[in-house]
Every structure is written in C-alpha cells, then in structure tokens.
Amino acid sequence: MITNKPKEKAKELVDRFLKVRVDASTFDSIKCKYLDIDEAKQCALICVDEKIKIIDIIMNDKNLDISANATAYVLIKDLQEVKKEIEKYGNRINNE
C-alpha cells in the first residue's frame, strides 16, 4: 500500500523534519535552530502514529465493507514497518 519501501518512507519523513527550523529563544537571546535527528525521528513517529489512529478509527466503522477493512489492515502493517525503520534511522547513519 505504501508506494515507497518502509526504509525509503522512513528516510523521507525524518529528512523532512530535519529541515524544520524552530524557535530556540531564551530570555537572553533569540535563536532559531534546526531539529536534530532524535527530534526529527520523534516528529516522524508522531505522524505515523496519527495515521495509524485514523485508519483504526475508520476500520471500526461498522458500515465498512470487507475489502476496505482488509486494505486498512494492510496499510496499518505497512505503517508499523515504517515506524520500525524510523526507530533504526539514526543508528543506520552512525553505522554507515
């Protein structure tokens, strides 16, 4: 269901958050910083978890036909694989 392989999708999600600038201001100074790898991974994991929650809500709809329910199940399995790859993402960078 996910068009990219889980490893590629995980990299795509984490890399998108690595480009995010956040306000890191303190009382003494105003700074912006980019998310580090761990912060980017956490954001990507939150996105995947939210997708899984939404699909799960849809699956609980009693009016959903069997084929749609089966598709949703496969999509959740794919997203769980993406989560595993996101969790391994930083480790892969350090080992390569």
PDB file of N, CA and C in Angstrom:
ATOM      1  N   MET A   1       0.806  -1.190   0.000  1.00  0.00           N
ATOM      2  CA  MET A   1       0.000   0.000   0.000  1.00  0.00           C
ATOM      3  C   MET A   1       0.859   1.268   0.000  1.00  0.00           C
ATOM      4  N   ILE A   2       1.872   1.307   0.851  1.00  0.00           N
ATOM      5  CA  ILE A   2       2.756   2.475   0.840  1.00  0.00           C
ATOM      6  C   ILE A   2       3.615   2.362  -0.405  1.00  0.00           C
ATOM      7  N   THR A   3       3.633   3.425  -1.209  1.00  0.00           N
ATOM      8  CA  THR A   3       4.300   3.343  -2.500  1.00  0.00           C
ATOM      9  C   THR A   3       5.804   3.154  -2.374  1.00  0.00           C
ATOM     10  N   ASN A   4       6.410   3.715  -1.362  1.00  0.00           N
ATOM     11  CA  ASN A   4       7.837   3.532  -1.147  1.00  0.00           C
ATOM     12  C   ASN A   4       8.056   2.337  -0.230  1.00  0.00           C
ATOM     13  N   LYS A   5       9.237   1.812  -0.259  1.00  0.00           N
ATOM     14  CA  LYS A   5       9.587   0.777   0.700  1.00  0.00           C
ATOM     15  C   LYS A   5       9.647   1.424   2.076  1.00  0.00           C
ATOM     16  N   PRO A   6       9.416   0.653   3.156  1.00  0.00           N
ATOM     17  CA  PRO A   6       9.417   1.241   4.506  1.00  0.00           C
ATOM     18  C   PRO A   6      10.685   2.032   4.831  1.00  0.00           C
ATOM     19  N   LYS A   7      11.845   1.537   4.430  1.00  0.00           N
ATOM     20  CA  LYS A   7      13.098   2.241   4.717  1.00  0.00           C
ATOM     21  C   LYS A   7      13.137   3.588   4.008  1.00  0.00           C
ATOM     22  N   GLU A   8      12.681   3.612   2.755  1.00  0.00           N
ATOM     23  CA  GLU A   8      12.671   4.866   1.993  1.00  0.00           C
ATOM     24  C   GLU A   8      11.659   5.855   2.571  1.00  0.00           C
ATOM     25  N   LYS A   9      10.482   5.356   2.961  1.00  0.00           N
ATOM     26  CA  LYS A   9       9.460   6.224   3.538  1.00  0.00           C
ATOM     27  C   LYS A   9       9.928   6.796   4.870  1.00  0.00           C
ATOM     28  N   ALA A  10      10.587   5.972   5.689  1.00  0.00           N
ATOM     29  CA  ALA A  10      11.111   6.440   6.970  1.00  0.00           C
ATOM     30  C   ALA A  10      12.133   7.553   6.750  1.00  0.00           C
ATOM     31  N   LYS A  11      13.044   7.344   5.808  1.00  0.00           N
ATOM     32  CA  LYS A  11      14.058   8.361   5.498  1.00  0.00           C
ATOM     33  C   LYS A  11      13.394   9.645   5.017  1.00  0.00           C
ATOM     34  N   GLU A  12      12.401   9.513   4.144  1.00  0.00           N
ATOM     35  CA  GLU A  12      11.691  10.679   3.622  1.00  0.00           C
ATOM     36  C   GLU A  12      11.044  11.491   4.759  1.00  0.00           C
ATOM     37  N   LEU A  13      10.381  10.808   5.682  1.00  0.00           N
ATOM     38  CA  LEU A  13       9.714  11.502   6.788  1.00  0.00           C
ATOM     39  C   LEU A  13      10.719  12.186   7.714  1.00  0.00           C
ATOM     40  N   VAL A  14      11.749  11.466   8.119  1.00  0.00           N
ATOM     41  CA  VAL A  14      12.742  12.040   9.037  1.00  0.00           C
ATOM     42  C   VAL A  14      13.451  13.212   8.366  1.00  0.00           C
ATOM     43  N   ASP A  15      13.833  13.043   7.118  1.00  0.00           N
ATOM     44  CA  ASP A  15      14.535  14.112   6.398  1.00  0.00           C
ATOM     45  C   ASP A  15      13.685  15.376   6.277  1.00  0.00           C
ATOM     46  N   ARG A  16      12.387  15.211   6.122  1.00  0.00           N
ATOM     47  CA  ARG A  16      11.506  16.386   6.056  1.00  0.00           C
ATOM     48  C   ARG A  16      11.555  17.167   7.362  1.00  0.00           C
ATOM     49  N   PHE A  17      11.610  16.465   8.487  1.00  0.00           N
ATOM     50  CA  PHE A  17      11.653  17.160   9.773  1.00  0.00           C
ATOM     51  C   PHE A  17      13.044  17.704  10.096  1.00  0.00           C
ATOM     52  N   LEU A  18      14.068  17.154   9.494  1.00  0.00           N
ATOM     53  CA  LEU A  18      15.406  17.714   9.698  1.00  0.00           C
ATOM     54  C   LEU A  18      15.523  19.109   9.100  1.00  0.00           C
ATOM     55  N   LYS A  19      14.627  19.456   8.190  1.00  0.00           N
ATOM     56  CA  LYS A  19      14.639  20.773   7.541  1.00  0.00           C
ATOM     57  C   LYS A  19      13.808  21.808   8.297  1.00  0.00           C
ATOM     58  N   VAL A  20      13.177  21.399   9.386  1.00  0.00           N
ATOM     59  CA  VAL A  20      12.301  22.295  10.145  1.00  0.00           C
ATOM     60  C   VAL A  20      13.132  23.172  11.076  1.00  0.00           C
ATOM     61  N   ARG A  21      12.882  24.468  11.011  1.00  0.00           N
ATOM     62  CA  ARG A  21      13.529  25.416  11.935  1.00  0.00           C
ATOM     63  C   ARG A  21      12.561  25.716  13.060  1.00  0.00           C
ATOM     64  N   VAL A  22      13.081  25.699  14.280  1.00  0.00           N
ATOM     65  CA  VAL A  22      12.251  26.004  15.437  1.00  0.00           C
ATOM     66  C   VAL A  22      12.852  27.165  16.208  1.00  0.00           C
ATOM     67  N   ASP A  23      12.003  27.864  16.902  1.00  0.00           N
ATOM     68  CA  ASP A  23      12.428  28.978  17.733  1.00  0.00           C
ATOM     69  C   ASP A  23      13.053  28.409  18.999  1.00  0.00           C
ATOM     70  N   ALA A  24      14.307  28.730  19.215  1.00  0.00           N
ATOM     71  CA  ALA A  24      15.009  28.257  20.402  1.00  0.00           C
ATOM     72  C   ALA A  24      15.361  29.447  21.289  1.00  0.00           C
ATOM     73  N   SER A  25      14.444  30.388  21.383  1.00  0.00           N
ATOM     74  CA  SER A  25      14.703  31.623  22.127  1.00  0.00           C
ATOM     75  C   SER A  25      14.767  31.377  23.626  1.00  0.00           C
ATOM     76  N   THR A  26      15.602  32.169  24.254  1.00  0.00           N
ATOM     77  CA  THR A  26      15.663  32.213  25.710  1.00  0.00           C
ATOM     78  C   THR A  26      15.435  33.667  26.104  1.00  0.00           C
ATOM     79  N   PHE A  27      15.452  33.942  27.380  1.00  0.00           N
ATOM     80  CA  PHE A  27      15.284  35.326  27.819  1.00  0.00           C
ATOM     81  C   PHE A  27      16.463  36.199  27.374  1.00  0.00           C
ATOM     82  N   ASP A  28      17.618  35.586  27.194  1.00  0.00           N
ATOM     83  CA  ASP A  28      18.821  36.345  26.856  1.00  0.00           C
ATOM     84  C   ASP A  28      19.041  36.524  25.360  1.00  0.00           C
ATOM     85  N   SER A  29      18.548  35.607  24.561  1.00  0.00           N
ATOM     86  CA  SER A  29      18.840  35.692  23.130  1.00  0.00           C
ATOM     87  C   SER A  29      17.710  35.073  22.304  1.00  0.00           C
ATOM     88  N   ILE A  30      17.712  35.452  21.054  1.00  0.00           N
ATOM     89  CA  ILE A  30      16.748  34.895  20.113  1.00  0.00           C
ATOM     90  C   ILE A  30      17.539  34.073  19.108  1.00  0.00           C
ATOM     91  N   LYS A  31      17.206  32.810  19.020  1.00  0.00           N
ATOM     92  CA  LYS A  31      17.905  31.909  18.100  1.00  0.00           C
ATOM     93  C   LYS A  31      16.891  31.012  17.419  1.00  0.00           C
ATOM     94  N   CYS A  32      17.256  30.569  16.265  1.00  0.00           N
ATOM     95  CA  CYS A  32      16.498  29.514  15.601  1.00  0.00           C
ATOM     96  C   CYS A  32      17.456  28.352  15.383  1.00  0.00           C
ATOM     97  N   LYS A  33      16.928  27.172  15.454  1.00  0.00           N
ATOM     98  CA  LYS A  33      17.763  26.006  15.200  1.00  0.00           C
ATOM     99  C   LYS A  33      16.967  25.002  14.387  1.00  0.00           C
ATOM    100  N   TYR A  34      17.680  24.109  13.757  1.00  0.00           N
ATOM    101  CA  TYR A  34      17.034  23.013  13.053  1.00  0.00           C
ATOM    102  C   TYR A  34      16.866  21.856  14.025  1.00  0.00           C
ATOM    103  N   LEU A  35      15.855  21.037  13.773  1.00  0.00           N
ATOM    104  CA  LEU A  35      15.670  19.857  14.606  1.00  0.00           C
ATOM    105  C   LEU A  35      16.859  18.930  14.422  1.00  0.00           C
ATOM    106  N   ASP A  36      17.278  18.276  15.515  1.00  0.00           N
ATOM    107  CA  ASP A  36      18.332  17.274  15.374  1.00  0.00           C
ATOM    108  C   ASP A  36      17.684  15.939  14.995  1.00  0.00           C
ATOM    109  N   ILE A  37      18.496  14.941  14.785  1.00  0.00           N
ATOM    110  CA  ILE A  37      17.998  13.651  14.287  1.00  0.00           C
ATOM    111  C   ILE A  37      16.984  13.032  15.244  1.00  0.00           C
ATOM    112  N   ASP A  38      17.234  13.091  16.546  1.00  0.00           N
ATOM    113  CA  ASP A  38      16.299  12.489  17.503  1.00  0.00           C
ATOM    114  C   ASP A  38      14.960  13.224  17.523  1.00  0.00           C
ATOM    115  N   GLU A  39      15.001  14.549  17.437  1.00  0.00           N
ATOM    116  CA  GLU A  39      13.763  15.335  17.394  1.00  0.00           C
ATOM    117  C   GLU A  39      12.992  15.054  16.101  1.00  0.00           C
ATOM    118  N   ALA A  40      13.713  14.966  15.001  1.00  0.00           N
ATOM    119  CA  ALA A  40      13.075  14.679  13.712  1.00  0.00           C
ATOM    120  C   ALA A  40      12.432  13.296  13.724  1.00  0.00           C
ATOM    121  N   LYS A  41      13.125  12.325  14.322  1.00  0.00           N
ATOM    122  CA  LYS A  41      12.560  10.981  14.424  1.00  0.00           C
ATOM    123  C   LYS A  41      11.287  10.981  15.262  1.00  0.00           C
ATOM    124  N   GLN A  42      11.288  11.723  16.360  1.00  0.00           N
ATOM    125  CA  GLN A  42      10.093  11.787  17.210  1.00  0.00           C
ATOM    126  C   GLN A  42       8.913  12.395  16.450  1.00  0.00           C
ATOM    127  N   CYS A  43       9.168  13.435  15.689  1.00  0.00           N
ATOM    128  CA  CYS A  43       8.101  14.051  14.892  1.00  0.00           C
ATOM    129  C   CYS A  43       7.566  13.069  13.844  1.00  0.00           C
ATOM    130  N   ALA A  44       8.469  12.360  13.178  1.00  0.00           N
ATOM    131  CA  ALA A  44       8.055  11.387  12.166  1.00  0.00           C
ATOM    132  C   ALA A  44       7.239  10.260  12.804  1.00  0.00           C
ATOM    133  N   LEU A  45       7.657   9.807  13.986  1.00  0.00           N
ATOM    134  CA  LEU A  45       6.912   8.753  14.688  1.00  0.00           C
ATOM    135  C   LEU A  45       5.514   9.226  15.081  1.00  0.00           C
ATOM    136  N   ILE A  46       5.411  10.464  15.507  1.00  0.00           N
ATOM    137  CA  ILE A  46       4.095  11.016  15.852  1.00  0.00           C
ATOM    138  C   ILE A  46       3.197  11.022  14.615  1.00  0.00           C
ATOM    139  N   CYS A  47       3.727  11.418  13.478  1.00  0.00           N
ATOM    140  CA  CYS A  47       2.938  11.431  12.238  1.00  0.00           C
ATOM    141  C   CYS A  47       2.434  10.034  11.885  1.00  0.00           C
ATOM    142  N   VAL A  48       3.309   9.055  11.961  1.00  0.00           N
ATOM    143  CA  VAL A  48       2.910   7.689  11.633  1.00  0.00           C
ATOM    144  C   VAL A  48       1.871   7.182  12.636  1.00  0.00           C
ATOM    145  N   ASP A  49       2.089   7.462  13.919  1.00  0.00           N
ATOM    146  CA  ASP A  49       1.111   7.045  14.936  1.00  0.00           C
ATOM    147  C   ASP A  49      -0.264   7.662  14.677  1.00  0.00           C
ATOM    148  N   GLU A  50      -0.296   8.917  14.284  1.00  0.00           N
ATOM    149  CA  GLU A  50      -1.564   9.581  13.997  1.00  0.00           C
ATOM    150  C   GLU A  50      -2.258   8.953  12.784  1.00  0.00           C
ATOM    151  N   LYS A  51      -1.486   8.598  11.775  1.00  0.00           N
ATOM    152  CA  LYS A  51      -2.067   7.918  10.615  1.00  0.00           C
ATOM    153  C   LYS A  51      -2.680   6.582  11.030  1.00  0.00           C
ATOM    154  N   ILE A  52      -1.962   5.846  11.867  1.00  0.00           N
ATOM    155  CA  ILE A  52      -2.460   4.552  12.330  1.00  0.00           C
ATOM    156  C   ILE A  52      -3.756   4.738  13.120  1.00  0.00           C
ATOM    157  N   LYS A  53      -3.797   5.749  13.982  1.00  0.00           N
ATOM    158  CA  LYS A  53      -5.016   6.008  14.763  1.00  0.00           C
ATOM    159  C   LYS A  53      -6.212   6.298  13.860  1.00  0.00           C
ATOM    160  N   ILE A  54      -5.993   7.114  12.845  1.00  0.00           N
ATOM    161  CA  ILE A  54      -7.085   7.475  11.935  1.00  0.00           C
ATOM    162  C   ILE A  54      -7.583   6.241  11.185  1.00  0.00           C
ATOM    163  N   ILE A  55      -6.659   5.437  10.702  1.00  0.00           N
ATOM    164  CA  ILE A  55      -7.058   4.223   9.986  1.00  0.00           C
ATOM    165  C   ILE A  55      -7.805   3.277  10.919  1.00  0.00           C
ATOM    166  N   ASP A  56      -7.336   3.188  12.158  1.00  0.00           N
ATOM    167  CA  ASP A  56      -8.000   2.326  13.137  1.00  0.00           C
ATOM    168  C   ASP A  56      -9.438   2.802  13.394  1.00  0.00           C
ATOM    169  N   ILE A  57      -9.629   4.099  13.483  1.00  0.00           N
ATOM    170  CA  ILE A  57     -10.980   4.652  13.665  1.00  0.00           C
ATOM    171  C   ILE A  57     -11.862   4.279  12.471  1.00  0.00           C
ATOM    172  N   ILE A  58     -11.320   4.421  11.282  1.00  0.00           N
ATOM    173  CA  ILE A  58     -12.080   4.067  10.083  1.00  0.00           C
ATOM    174  C   ILE A  58     -12.409   2.582  10.069  1.00  0.00           C
ATOM    175  N   MET A  59     -11.460   1.751  10.478  1.00  0.00           N
ATOM    176  CA  MET A  59     -11.692   0.298  10.496  1.00  0.00           C
ATOM    177  C   MET A  59     -12.816  -0.078  11.458  1.00  0.00           C
ATOM    178  N   ASN A  60     -13.015   0.703  12.492  1.00  0.00           N
ATOM    179  CA  ASN A  60     -14.054   0.400  13.473  1.00  0.00           C
ATOM    180  C   ASN A  60     -15.450   0.807  12.999  1.00  0.00           C
ATOM    181  N   ASP A  61     -15.527   1.409  11.829  1.00  0.00           N
ATOM    182  CA  ASP A  61     -16.822   1.776  11.260  1.00  0.00           C
ATOM    183  C   ASP A  61     -17.542   0.500  10.834  1.00  0.00           C
ATOM    184  N   LYS A  62     -18.698   0.264  11.385  1.00  0.00           N
ATOM    185  CA  LYS A  62     -19.465  -0.968  11.118  1.00  0.00           C
ATOM    186  C   LYS A  62     -19.964  -1.037   9.670  1.00  0.00           C
ATOM    187  N   ASN A  63     -20.019   0.085   8.983  1.00  0.00           N
ATOM    188  CA  ASN A  63     -20.521   0.104   7.609  1.00  0.00           C
ATOM    189  C   ASN A  63     -19.425  -0.146   6.568  1.00  0.00           C
ATOM    190  N   LEU A  64     -18.210  -0.342   7.024  1.00  0.00           N
ATOM    191  CA  LEU A  64     -17.088  -0.544   6.115  1.00  0.00           C
ATOM    192  C   LEU A  64     -17.154  -1.940   5.502  1.00  0.00           C
ATOM    193  N   ASP A  65     -16.983  -2.029   4.193  1.00  0.00           N
ATOM    194  CA  ASP A  65     -17.027  -3.358   3.581  1.00  0.00           C
ATOM    195  C   ASP A  65     -15.730  -4.116   3.846  1.00  0.00           C
ATOM    196  N   ILE A  66     -15.764  -5.401   3.601  1.00  0.00           N
ATOM    197  CA  ILE A  66     -14.641  -6.282   3.947  1.00  0.00           C
ATOM    198  C   ILE A  66     -13.371  -5.909   3.192  1.00  0.00           C
ATOM    199  N   SER A  67     -13.482  -5.568   1.919  1.00  0.00           N
ATOM    200  CA  SER A  67     -12.282  -5.241   1.149  1.00  0.00           C
ATOM    201  C   SER A  67     -11.624  -3.961   1.655  1.00  0.00           C
ATOM    202  N   ALA A  68     -12.423  -2.976   2.052  1.00  0.00           N
ATOM    203  CA  ALA A  68     -11.861  -1.742   2.602  1.00  0.00           C
ATOM    204  C   ALA A  68     -11.193  -2.011   3.935  1.00  0.00           C
ATOM    205  N   ASN A  69     -11.783  -2.870   4.734  1.00  0.00           N
ATOM    206  CA  ASN A  69     -11.212  -3.229   6.020  1.00  0.00           C
ATOM    207  C   ASN A  69      -9.882  -3.961   5.825  1.00  0.00           C
ATOM    208  N   ALA A  70      -9.830  -4.850   4.842  1.00  0.00           N
ATOM    209  CA  ALA A  70      -8.594  -5.585   4.549  1.00  0.00           C
ATOM    210  C   ALA A  70      -7.499  -4.630   4.077  1.00  0.00           C
ATOM    211  N   THR A  71      -7.880  -3.654   3.264  1.00  0.00           N
ATOM    212  CA  THR A  71      -6.919  -2.661   2.780  1.00  0.00           C
ATOM    213  C   THR A  71      -6.374  -1.845   3.953  1.00  0.00           C
ATOM    214  N   ALA A  72      -7.247  -1.452   4.856  1.00  0.00           N
ATOM    215  CA  ALA A  72      -6.828  -0.681   6.028  1.00  0.00           C
ATOM    216  C   ALA A  72      -5.873  -1.494   6.887  1.00  0.00           C
ATOM    217  N   TYR A  73      -6.141  -2.779   7.046  1.00  0.00           N
ATOM    218  CA  TYR A  73      -5.267  -3.657   7.834  1.00  0.00           C
ATOM    219  C   TYR A  73      -3.859  -3.707   7.223  1.00  0.00           C
ATOM    220  N   VAL A  74      -3.802  -3.865   5.903  1.00  0.00           N
ATOM    221  CA  VAL A  74      -2.507  -3.910   5.216  1.00  0.00           C
ATOM    222  C   VAL A  74      -1.780  -2.576   5.377  1.00  0.00           C
ATOM    223  N   LEU A  75      -2.503  -1.487   5.284  1.00  0.00           N
ATOM    224  CA  LEU A  75      -1.903  -0.168   5.436  1.00  0.00           C
ATOM    225  C   LEU A  75      -1.315   0.012   6.831  1.00  0.00           C
ATOM    226  N   ILE A  76      -2.021  -0.446   7.855  1.00  0.00           N
ATOM    227  CA  ILE A  76      -1.502  -0.362   9.222  1.00  0.00           C
ATOM    228  C   ILE A  76      -0.232  -1.191   9.356  1.00  0.00           C
ATOM    229  N   LYS A  77      -0.215  -2.378   8.782  1.00  0.00           N
ATOM    230  CA  LYS A  77       1.001  -3.206   8.832  1.00  0.00           C
ATOM    231  C   LYS A  77       2.173  -2.494   8.160  1.00  0.00           C
ATOM    232  N   ASP A  78       1.904  -1.872   7.004  1.00  0.00           N
ATOM    233  CA  ASP A  78       2.953  -1.117   6.302  1.00  0.00           C
ATOM    234  C   ASP A  78       3.472   0.034   7.162  1.00  0.00           C
ATOM    235  N   LEU A  79       2.562   0.755   7.801  1.00  0.00           N
ATOM    236  CA  LEU A  79       2.955   1.882   8.646  1.00  0.00           C
ATOM    237  C   LEU A  79       3.756   1.411   9.859  1.00  0.00           C
ATOM    238  N   GLN A  80       3.439   0.250  10.393  1.00  0.00           N
ATOM    239  CA  GLN A  80       4.210  -0.292  11.511  1.00  0.00           C
ATOM    240  C   GLN A  80       5.637  -0.621  11.075  1.00  0.00           C
ATOM    241  N   GLU A  81       5.810  -1.056   9.837  1.00  0.00           N
ATOM    242  CA  GLU A  81       7.152  -1.296   9.297  1.00  0.00           C
ATOM    243  C   GLU A  81       7.913   0.025   9.147  1.00  0.00           C
ATOM    244  N   VAL A  82       7.215   1.062   8.720  1.00  0.00           N
ATOM    245  CA  VAL A  82       7.835   2.387   8.602  1.00  0.00           C
ATOM    246  C   VAL A  82       8.296   2.857   9.982  1.00  0.00           C
ATOM    247  N   LYS A  83       7.468   2.640  11.007  1.00  0.00           N
ATOM    248  CA  LYS A  83       7.855   3.024  12.374  1.00  0.00           C
ATOM    249  C   LYS A  83       9.153   2.333  12.792  1.00  0.00           C
ATOM    250  N   LYS A  84       9.265   1.053  12.507  1.00  0.00           N
ATOM    251  CA  LYS A  84      10.487   0.316  12.851  1.00  0.00           C
ATOM    252  C   LYS A  84      11.706   0.927  12.160  1.00  0.00           C
ATOM    253  N   GLU A  85      11.528   1.287  10.895  1.00  0.00           N
ATOM    254  CA  GLU A  85      12.638   1.887  10.145  1.00  0.00           C
ATOM    255  C   GLU A  85      12.994   3.272  10.678  1.00  0.00           C
ATOM    256  N   ILE A  86      11.999   4.043  11.102  1.00  0.00           N
ATOM    257  CA  ILE A  86      12.276   5.358  11.696  1.00  0.00           C
ATOM    258  C   ILE A  86      13.086   5.185  12.967  1.00  0.00           C
ATOM    259  N   GLU A  87      12.708   4.231  13.783  1.00  0.00           N
ATOM    260  CA  GLU A  87      13.426   3.994  15.042  1.00  0.00           C
ATOM    261  C   GLU A  87      14.876   3.595  14.796  1.00  0.00           C
ATOM    262  N   LYS A  88      15.147   2.893  13.691  1.00  0.00           N
ATOM    263  CA  LYS A  88      16.513   2.474  13.362  1.00  0.00           C
ATOM    264  C   LYS A  88      17.288   3.552  12.607  1.00  0.00           C
ATOM    265  N   TYR A  89      16.593   4.571  12.128  1.00  0.00           N
ATOM    266  CA  TYR A  89      17.179   5.541  11.194  1.00  0.00           C
ATOM    267  C   TYR A  89      18.490   6.166  11.677  1.00  0.00           C
ATOM    268  N   GLY A  90      18.533   6.718  12.854  1.00  0.00           N
ATOM    269  CA  GLY A  90      19.753   7.360  13.357  1.00  0.00           C
ATOM    270  C   GLY A  90      20.883   6.383  13.542  1.00  0.00           C
ATOM    271  N   ASN A  91      20.549   5.167  13.958  1.00  0.00           N
ATOM    272  CA  ASN A  91      21.573   4.133  14.139  1.00  0.00           C
ATOM    273  C   ASN A  91      22.237   3.779  12.832  1.00  0.00           C
ATOM    274  N   ARG A  92      21.454   3.767  11.733  1.00  0.00           N
ATOM    275  CA  ARG A  92      22.000   3.449  10.422  1.00  0.00           C
ATOM    276  C   ARG A  92      23.007   4.501  10.007  1.00  0.00           C
ATOM    277  N   ILE A  93      22.718   5.765  10.281  1.00  0.00           N
ATOM    278  CA  ILE A  93      23.628   6.852   9.897  1.00  0.00           C
ATOM    279  C   ILE A  93      24.960   6.684  10.610  1.00  0.00           C
ATOM    280  N   ASN A  94      24.923   6.371  11.899  1.00  0.00           N
ATOM    281  CA  ASN A  94      26.152   6.220  12.667  1.00  0.00           C
ATOM    282  C   ASN A  94      26.942   4.993  12.269  1.00  0.00           C
ATOM    283  N   ASN A  95      26.293   3.966  11.726  1.00  0.00           N
ATOM    284  CA  ASN A  95      26.978   2.717  11.373  1.00  0.00           C
ATOM    285  C   ASN A  95      27.457   2.696   9.946  1.00  0.00           C
ATOM    286  N   GLU A  96      27.061   3.663   9.136  1.00  0.00           N
ATOM    287  CA  GLU A  96      27.462   3.640   7.721  1.00  0.00           C
ATOM    288  C   GLU A  96      28.618   4.550   7.462  1.00  0.00           C
TER     289      GLU A  96
END
